């Protein structure tokens, strides 16, 4: 079973995405902070879905950079999908190494498709 870590500070969104992705056959760790996500990545992970704007002034881009720099237990080439309600963050996410950028609101049902497509390229 493919493991996905979802990171969003909105408890409703993170739990909704967890439920939808589990229905599509993924094992999902729902995290509301970067620290929780790094802990969840201690076991093998196939992909991250990370919101750009997290609470307390933190940015999901910091987690993306840590993954790409090998500063987490996840492989540096792990699929990372970044999400944001601000299209102006797309370029920054891509430069930091995001595999995909999704502008909110996006259809949650499409997320599994993006994940499967990106994982099949690995």
Protein backbone atom coordinates (compact mmCIF):
# COMPACT_ATOMS: atom_id res chain seq x y z
CA UNK A 1 0.00 0.00 0.00
CA UNK A 2 1.35 3.43 -0.92
CA UNK A 3 1.86 5.82 1.99
CA UNK A 4 0.93 9.48 1.60
CA UNK A 5 1.59 12.22 4.13
CA UNK A 6 -0.92 15.07 3.96
CA UNK A 7 0.11 18.33 5.66
CA UNK A 8 -2.41 21.13 6.20
CA UNK A 9 -3.10 23.23 9.28
CA UNK A 10 -6.85 23.10 8.61
CA UNK A 11 -8.08 20.03 10.49
CA UNK A 12 -11.20 19.74 8.32
CA UNK A 13 -9.24 19.71 5.07
CA UNK A 14 -6.55 17.33 6.29
CA UNK A 15 -9.14 14.86 7.58
CA UNK A 16 -11.23 15.12 4.40
CA UNK A 17 -8.18 14.45 2.22
CA UNK A 18 -7.19 11.55 4.47
CA UNK A 19 -10.62 9.99 4.10
CA UNK A 20 -10.76 10.47 0.32
CA UNK A 21 -7.26 9.15 -0.27
CA UNK A 22 -7.90 6.13 1.96
CA UNK A 23 -11.01 5.36 -0.08
CA UNK A 24 -8.70 5.32 -3.11
CA UNK A 25 -6.47 2.74 -1.46
CA UNK A 26 -3.68 4.83 0.06
CA UNK A 27 -2.36 4.66 3.61
CA UNK A 28 -2.50 8.26 4.84
CA UNK A 29 -0.87 10.09 7.72
CA UNK A 30 -2.72 13.36 8.37
CA UNK A 31 -0.44 16.04 9.82
CA UNK A 32 -1.08 19.65 10.80
CA UNK A 33 2.55 20.67 11.32
CA UNK A 34 5.90 20.18 9.62
CA UNK A 35 7.21 18.45 12.74
CA UNK A 36 4.41 15.86 12.62
CA UNK A 37 5.14 15.27 8.92
CA UNK A 38 8.84 14.71 9.58
CA UNK A 39 7.97 12.22 12.32
CA UNK A 40 5.54 10.42 9.99
CA UNK A 41 8.29 10.23 7.36
CA UNK A 42 10.37 8.03 9.69
CA UNK A 43 8.71 5.08 7.95
CA UNK A 44 8.86 4.79 4.15
CA UNK A 45 6.66 7.33 2.37
CA UNK A 46 5.71 7.52 -1.30
CA UNK A 47 4.39 11.08 -1.50
CA UNK A 48 3.58 14.26 0.37
CA UNK A 49 0.64 16.61 -0.22
CA UNK A 50 1.58 19.87 1.49
CA UNK A 51 -0.22 23.18 1.90
CA UNK A 52 2.06 26.17 1.35
CA UNK A 53 0.62 28.33 4.15
CA UNK A 54 0.70 26.64 7.52
CA UNK A 55 -0.06 28.10 10.93
CA UNK A 56 2.32 30.06 13.13
CA UNK A 57 4.10 31.63 10.17
CA UNK A 58 5.44 28.33 8.85
CA UNK A 59 5.52 27.41 5.20
CA UNK A 60 5.09 24.04 3.60
CA UNK A 61 7.85 25.09 1.22
CA UNK A 62 10.26 24.66 4.14
CA UNK A 63 9.26 21.00 4.35
CA UNK A 64 9.65 20.65 0.58
CA UNK A 65 13.17 22.09 0.76
CA UNK A 66 14.05 19.79 3.67
CA UNK A 67 12.86 16.73 1.72
CA UNK A 68 14.83 17.75 -1.38
CA UNK A 69 17.95 18.48 0.71
CA UNK A 70 17.80 15.04 2.35
CA UNK A 71 17.08 16.56 5.76
CA UNK A 72 14.18 14.21 6.47
CA UNK A 73 13.94 10.42 6.61
CA UNK A 74 12.02 10.51 3.30
CA UNK A 75 13.98 9.94 0.11
CA UNK A 76 15.08 13.22 -1.49
CA UNK A 77 13.18 12.33 -4.67
CA UNK A 78 9.89 11.55 -2.90
CA UNK A 79 6.90 12.97 -4.78
CA UNK A 80 5.80 16.31 -3.29
CA UNK A 81 2.56 17.99 -4.36
CA UNK A 82 2.17 21.56 -3.08
CA UNK A 83 -1.23 23.23 -2.67
CA UNK A 84 -2.17 26.88 -2.18
CA UNK A 85 -5.01 29.29 -2.62
CA UNK A 86 -2.57 31.80 -4.12
CA UNK A 87 -1.45 31.15 -7.71
CA UNK A 88 1.53 33.46 -7.15
CA UNK A 89 3.17 30.73 -5.03
CA UNK A 90 3.38 28.29 -7.95
CA UNK A 91 6.72 29.51 -9.28
CA UNK A 92 8.28 29.46 -5.81
CA UNK A 93 7.06 25.88 -5.25
CA UNK A 94 8.37 24.71 -8.60
CA UNK A 95 11.78 26.32 -7.99
CA UNK A 96 11.94 24.56 -4.60
CA UNK A 97 11.38 21.21 -6.32
CA UNK A 98 7.64 20.51 -6.19
CA UNK A 99 6.50 17.78 -8.55
CA UNK A 100 3.05 19.35 -8.89
CA UNK A 101 1.29 22.53 -7.77
CA UNK A 102 -2.46 22.52 -7.20
CA UNK A 103 -4.41 25.74 -6.86
CA UNK A 104 -7.13 25.59 -4.22
CA UNK A 105 -9.88 24.81 -4.52
CA UNK A 106 -9.03 21.75 -6.57
CA UNK A 107 -11.26 18.71 -7.01
CA UNK A 108 -10.16 16.30 -4.26
CA UNK A 109 -11.03 13.37 -6.48
CA UNK A 110 -8.32 14.48 -8.92
CA UNK A 111 -5.64 14.28 -6.24
CA UNK A 112 -5.37 10.48 -6.42
CA UNK A 113 -4.90 10.72 -10.16
CA UNK A 114 -2.04 13.19 -9.79
CA UNK A 115 -0.41 11.04 -7.12
CA UNK A 116 -0.69 7.84 -9.18
CA UNK A 117 0.63 9.55 -12.30
CA UNK A 118 3.63 11.02 -10.50
CA UNK A 119 4.40 7.76 -8.69
CA UNK A 120 4.26 5.80 -11.94
CA UNK A 121 7.03 8.05 -13.32
CA UNK A 122 9.35 7.15 -10.43
